[in-house]
N, C-alpha and C. Protein backbone atom coordinates (compact mmCIF):
# COMPACT_ATOMS: atom_id res chain seq x y z
N MET A 1 16.43 -22.43 11.18
CA MET A 1 15.61 -22.90 10.08
C MET A 1 14.20 -23.19 10.61
N THR A 2 13.19 -22.78 9.87
CA THR A 2 11.82 -23.01 10.31
C THR A 2 11.34 -24.38 9.88
N GLU A 3 10.39 -24.88 10.64
CA GLU A 3 9.82 -26.18 10.34
C GLU A 3 8.81 -26.04 9.20
N ILE A 4 8.76 -27.01 8.33
CA ILE A 4 7.81 -27.00 7.22
C ILE A 4 6.48 -27.53 7.73
N SER A 5 5.41 -26.77 7.50
CA SER A 5 4.09 -27.20 7.94
C SER A 5 3.62 -28.37 7.07
N SER A 6 2.62 -29.07 7.58
CA SER A 6 2.09 -30.20 6.81
C SER A 6 1.46 -29.71 5.51
N LEU A 7 0.87 -28.51 5.54
CA LEU A 7 0.30 -27.94 4.31
C LEU A 7 1.38 -27.68 3.28
N GLU A 8 2.50 -27.11 3.72
CA GLU A 8 3.61 -26.83 2.79
C GLU A 8 4.17 -28.14 2.25
N ARG A 9 4.26 -29.14 3.10
CA ARG A 9 4.76 -30.44 2.68
C ARG A 9 3.84 -31.03 1.61
N MET A 10 2.53 -30.91 1.84
CA MET A 10 1.56 -31.41 0.87
C MET A 10 1.71 -30.66 -0.46
N LEU A 11 1.90 -29.35 -0.37
CA LEU A 11 2.09 -28.54 -1.57
C LEU A 11 3.34 -28.96 -2.32
N LEU A 12 4.41 -29.24 -1.60
CA LEU A 12 5.65 -29.70 -2.24
C LEU A 12 5.43 -31.00 -3.00
N GLU A 13 4.63 -31.88 -2.43
CA GLU A 13 4.37 -33.17 -3.08
C GLU A 13 3.54 -33.03 -4.35
N ILE A 14 2.48 -32.22 -4.28
CA ILE A 14 1.60 -32.15 -5.46
C ILE A 14 2.09 -31.18 -6.51
N ARG A 15 3.01 -30.29 -6.16
CA ARG A 15 3.45 -29.33 -7.17
C ARG A 15 4.23 -29.98 -8.30
N LYS A 16 4.74 -31.18 -8.07
CA LYS A 16 5.43 -31.90 -9.14
C LYS A 16 4.46 -32.16 -10.29
N LYS A 17 3.19 -32.32 -9.96
CA LYS A 17 2.22 -32.73 -10.95
C LYS A 17 1.25 -31.62 -11.35
N SER A 18 1.12 -30.60 -10.53
CA SER A 18 0.04 -29.65 -10.71
C SER A 18 0.52 -28.25 -11.10
N ARG A 19 0.05 -27.79 -12.23
CA ARG A 19 0.34 -26.43 -12.67
C ARG A 19 -0.28 -25.42 -11.70
N TYR A 20 -1.45 -25.78 -11.14
CA TYR A 20 -2.13 -24.90 -10.19
C TYR A 20 -1.32 -24.74 -8.91
N ALA A 21 -0.72 -25.83 -8.46
CA ALA A 21 0.12 -25.77 -7.26
C ALA A 21 1.38 -24.94 -7.53
N LEU A 22 1.95 -25.08 -8.71
CA LEU A 22 3.13 -24.28 -9.06
C LEU A 22 2.78 -22.80 -9.11
N LEU A 23 1.61 -22.47 -9.64
CA LEU A 23 1.19 -21.07 -9.66
C LEU A 23 1.00 -20.54 -8.24
N ALA A 24 0.42 -21.35 -7.36
CA ALA A 24 0.24 -20.93 -5.96
C ALA A 24 1.59 -20.71 -5.29
N THR A 25 2.54 -21.60 -5.54
CA THR A 25 3.88 -21.45 -4.99
C THR A 25 4.52 -20.16 -5.51
N MET A 26 4.31 -19.88 -6.79
CA MET A 26 4.85 -18.67 -7.39
C MET A 26 4.24 -17.42 -6.75
N MET A 27 2.93 -17.45 -6.49
CA MET A 27 2.26 -16.30 -5.88
C MET A 27 2.83 -16.04 -4.49
N ASN A 28 3.05 -17.11 -3.73
CA ASN A 28 3.62 -16.97 -2.39
C ASN A 28 5.06 -16.46 -2.45
N ALA A 29 5.81 -16.92 -3.43
CA ALA A 29 7.21 -16.52 -3.56
C ALA A 29 7.36 -15.05 -3.94
N CYS A 30 6.40 -14.53 -4.67
CA CYS A 30 6.51 -13.17 -5.21
C CYS A 30 5.75 -12.12 -4.41
N LYS A 31 5.47 -12.41 -3.15
CA LYS A 31 4.83 -11.39 -2.32
C LYS A 31 5.72 -10.16 -2.25
N LYS A 32 7.03 -10.41 -2.22
CA LYS A 32 8.01 -9.34 -2.37
C LYS A 32 8.62 -9.53 -3.76
N PRO A 33 8.97 -8.45 -4.44
CA PRO A 33 9.48 -8.57 -5.82
C PRO A 33 10.65 -9.55 -5.94
N LYS A 34 10.59 -10.38 -6.99
CA LYS A 34 11.62 -11.38 -7.25
C LYS A 34 12.00 -11.33 -8.73
N THR A 35 13.27 -11.62 -8.99
CA THR A 35 13.71 -11.75 -10.38
C THR A 35 13.25 -13.11 -10.90
N LYS A 36 13.34 -13.28 -12.21
CA LYS A 36 12.96 -14.55 -12.82
C LYS A 36 13.78 -15.69 -12.22
N TYR A 37 15.06 -15.46 -12.01
CA TYR A 37 15.92 -16.50 -11.44
C TYR A 37 15.51 -16.84 -10.00
N GLU A 38 15.16 -15.84 -9.21
CA GLU A 38 14.72 -16.09 -7.84
C GLU A 38 13.41 -16.90 -7.81
N VAL A 39 12.51 -16.59 -8.74
CA VAL A 39 11.26 -17.36 -8.85
C VAL A 39 11.59 -18.80 -9.20
N TYR A 40 12.49 -18.97 -10.16
CA TYR A 40 12.93 -20.31 -10.58
C TYR A 40 13.45 -21.11 -9.39
N LEU A 41 14.26 -20.49 -8.56
CA LEU A 41 14.80 -21.18 -7.39
C LEU A 41 13.70 -21.53 -6.39
N LYS A 42 12.74 -20.64 -6.20
CA LYS A 42 11.64 -20.89 -5.27
C LYS A 42 10.76 -22.05 -5.72
N LEU A 43 10.61 -22.20 -7.02
CA LEU A 43 9.78 -23.29 -7.54
C LEU A 43 10.49 -24.63 -7.43
N GLY A 44 11.78 -24.63 -7.30
CA GLY A 44 12.52 -25.87 -7.14
C GLY A 44 13.10 -26.37 -8.44
N LEU A 45 14.40 -26.34 -8.54
CA LEU A 45 15.09 -26.78 -9.76
C LEU A 45 14.75 -28.22 -10.11
N LYS A 46 14.52 -29.02 -9.09
CA LYS A 46 14.26 -30.44 -9.30
C LYS A 46 12.95 -30.68 -10.07
N TYR A 47 11.99 -29.78 -9.89
CA TYR A 47 10.67 -30.00 -10.45
C TYR A 47 10.31 -29.09 -11.62
N THR A 48 11.07 -28.03 -11.83
CA THR A 48 10.69 -27.02 -12.80
C THR A 48 11.79 -26.80 -13.83
N THR A 49 11.45 -26.92 -15.10
CA THR A 49 12.40 -26.59 -16.15
C THR A 49 12.28 -25.10 -16.46
N TYR A 50 13.28 -24.55 -17.12
CA TYR A 50 13.25 -23.13 -17.47
C TYR A 50 12.09 -22.85 -18.43
N ALA A 51 11.84 -23.76 -19.35
CA ALA A 51 10.73 -23.59 -20.29
C ALA A 51 9.40 -23.57 -19.54
N GLN A 52 9.27 -24.43 -18.54
CA GLN A 52 8.05 -24.47 -17.74
C GLN A 52 7.90 -23.15 -16.96
N LEU A 53 9.00 -22.64 -16.43
CA LEU A 53 8.98 -21.37 -15.71
C LEU A 53 8.48 -20.25 -16.62
N LYS A 54 9.01 -20.17 -17.83
CA LYS A 54 8.58 -19.14 -18.77
C LYS A 54 7.09 -19.25 -19.07
N SER A 55 6.62 -20.46 -19.23
CA SER A 55 5.20 -20.68 -19.49
C SER A 55 4.35 -20.27 -18.28
N LEU A 56 4.79 -20.64 -17.09
CA LEU A 56 4.05 -20.28 -15.86
C LEU A 56 4.02 -18.76 -15.67
N LEU A 57 5.15 -18.11 -15.90
CA LEU A 57 5.20 -16.65 -15.77
C LEU A 57 4.26 -15.99 -16.78
N ALA A 58 4.28 -16.48 -18.01
CA ALA A 58 3.40 -15.92 -19.04
C ALA A 58 1.93 -16.09 -18.64
N THR A 59 1.59 -17.26 -18.13
CA THR A 59 0.22 -17.52 -17.69
C THR A 59 -0.17 -16.60 -16.54
N ALA A 60 0.72 -16.48 -15.55
CA ALA A 60 0.44 -15.64 -14.38
C ALA A 60 0.29 -14.17 -14.78
N LEU A 61 1.10 -13.71 -15.72
CA LEU A 61 0.98 -12.33 -16.19
C LEU A 61 -0.32 -12.13 -16.97
N LYS A 62 -0.65 -13.09 -17.82
CA LYS A 62 -1.87 -12.99 -18.63
C LYS A 62 -3.12 -12.97 -17.75
N LEU A 63 -3.10 -13.78 -16.69
CA LEU A 63 -4.24 -13.86 -15.77
C LEU A 63 -4.22 -12.75 -14.72
N LYS A 64 -3.19 -11.91 -14.79
CA LYS A 64 -3.01 -10.80 -13.85
C LYS A 64 -2.84 -11.27 -12.41
N LEU A 65 -2.21 -12.44 -12.25
CA LEU A 65 -1.85 -12.94 -10.91
C LEU A 65 -0.54 -12.32 -10.47
N LEU A 66 0.30 -12.00 -11.45
CA LEU A 66 1.58 -11.32 -11.22
C LEU A 66 1.64 -10.09 -12.09
N GLU A 67 2.47 -9.14 -11.67
CA GLU A 67 2.80 -8.02 -12.55
C GLU A 67 4.31 -7.88 -12.56
N LYS A 68 4.81 -7.35 -13.66
CA LYS A 68 6.24 -7.19 -13.81
C LYS A 68 6.59 -5.73 -13.63
N LYS A 69 7.47 -5.48 -12.67
CA LYS A 69 7.95 -4.12 -12.41
C LYS A 69 9.45 -4.12 -12.64
N ASP A 70 9.88 -3.37 -13.64
CA ASP A 70 11.27 -3.40 -14.09
C ASP A 70 11.58 -4.83 -14.49
N SER A 71 12.52 -5.48 -13.85
CA SER A 71 12.83 -6.87 -14.21
C SER A 71 12.43 -7.83 -13.10
N GLN A 72 11.48 -7.39 -12.27
CA GLN A 72 11.05 -8.23 -11.15
C GLN A 72 9.55 -8.50 -11.23
N TYR A 73 9.16 -9.62 -10.63
CA TYR A 73 7.77 -10.04 -10.61
C TYR A 73 7.23 -9.89 -9.20
N VAL A 74 5.98 -9.40 -9.10
CA VAL A 74 5.35 -9.23 -7.80
C VAL A 74 3.89 -9.68 -7.90
N THR A 75 3.42 -10.31 -6.83
CA THR A 75 2.06 -10.83 -6.78
C THR A 75 1.05 -9.68 -6.70
N THR A 76 0.00 -9.76 -7.49
CA THR A 76 -1.09 -8.78 -7.45
C THR A 76 -2.09 -9.20 -6.37
N GLU A 77 -3.07 -8.36 -6.12
CA GLU A 77 -4.13 -8.72 -5.17
C GLU A 77 -4.87 -9.98 -5.64
N LYS A 78 -5.10 -10.05 -6.94
CA LYS A 78 -5.76 -11.24 -7.50
C LYS A 78 -4.90 -12.49 -7.26
N GLY A 79 -3.58 -12.35 -7.40
CA GLY A 79 -2.66 -13.46 -7.14
C GLY A 79 -2.66 -13.89 -5.68
N LYS A 80 -2.74 -12.91 -4.77
CA LYS A 80 -2.81 -13.22 -3.34
C LYS A 80 -4.09 -13.97 -3.02
N THR A 81 -5.18 -13.55 -3.65
CA THR A 81 -6.46 -14.24 -3.46
C THR A 81 -6.38 -15.67 -3.97
N TYR A 82 -5.75 -15.85 -5.13
CA TYR A 82 -5.58 -17.19 -5.70
C TYR A 82 -4.81 -18.09 -4.73
N ALA A 83 -3.70 -17.58 -4.19
CA ALA A 83 -2.88 -18.38 -3.27
C ALA A 83 -3.65 -18.72 -2.01
N LYS A 84 -4.41 -17.77 -1.50
CA LYS A 84 -5.20 -18.00 -0.28
C LYS A 84 -6.26 -19.08 -0.52
N LYS A 85 -6.94 -19.00 -1.65
CA LYS A 85 -7.98 -19.99 -1.97
C LYS A 85 -7.37 -21.36 -2.23
N PHE A 86 -6.19 -21.40 -2.81
CA PHE A 86 -5.52 -22.68 -3.04
C PHE A 86 -5.16 -23.32 -1.69
N ARG A 87 -4.68 -22.51 -0.73
CA ARG A 87 -4.39 -23.04 0.62
C ARG A 87 -5.64 -23.59 1.27
N ARG A 88 -6.77 -22.89 1.09
CA ARG A 88 -8.04 -23.38 1.64
C ARG A 88 -8.41 -24.73 1.04
N LEU A 89 -8.19 -24.88 -0.24
CA LEU A 89 -8.47 -26.15 -0.90
C LEU A 89 -7.61 -27.26 -0.30
N LEU A 90 -6.34 -26.98 -0.08
CA LEU A 90 -5.46 -27.99 0.53
C LEU A 90 -5.94 -28.37 1.92
N LYS A 91 -6.38 -27.38 2.70
CA LYS A 91 -6.89 -27.66 4.04
C LYS A 91 -8.13 -28.54 3.96
N LEU A 92 -9.01 -28.25 3.00
CA LEU A 92 -10.20 -29.05 2.80
C LEU A 92 -9.85 -30.50 2.48
N LEU A 93 -8.82 -30.68 1.67
CA LEU A 93 -8.39 -32.03 1.29
C LEU A 93 -7.78 -32.78 2.46
N GLN A 94 -7.22 -32.04 3.43
CA GLN A 94 -6.60 -32.67 4.60
C GLN A 94 -7.63 -33.11 5.63
N GLU A 95 -8.81 -32.49 5.63
CA GLU A 95 -9.82 -32.83 6.62
C GLU A 95 -10.30 -34.26 6.43
N GLU A 96 -10.61 -34.85 7.56
CA GLU A 96 -11.11 -36.24 7.50
C GLU A 96 -12.56 -36.30 7.80
C-alpha cells in the first residue's frame, strides 16, 4: 500500500465541503476510463451521494472536463489541466 501524501490528505479533508475538490478528485480518478460506479467509489461513499455524483458528472461533461466513451468516463486534456491547477492551488495554500 502506498503512503498518502500530505497534499492528498489535504484534498481528502476539503473535498467534503468543496465541489471543486470533488471535481479534481474525479479528474484524477478518470485518467484511465472508469464506469460511473468506479467514479463513485473513488470519490468516497462517505462523502458523496449518488445524486451528487450525477450532478458532478453532468457538470464535468458540460464543462468538457470529462468525456463519455461507451459507458465509461475519461478525463479530457482540459480536465487534466484543471486537476493540475487545483494541485498547484493546494501547494500554494500549504506554503508558509
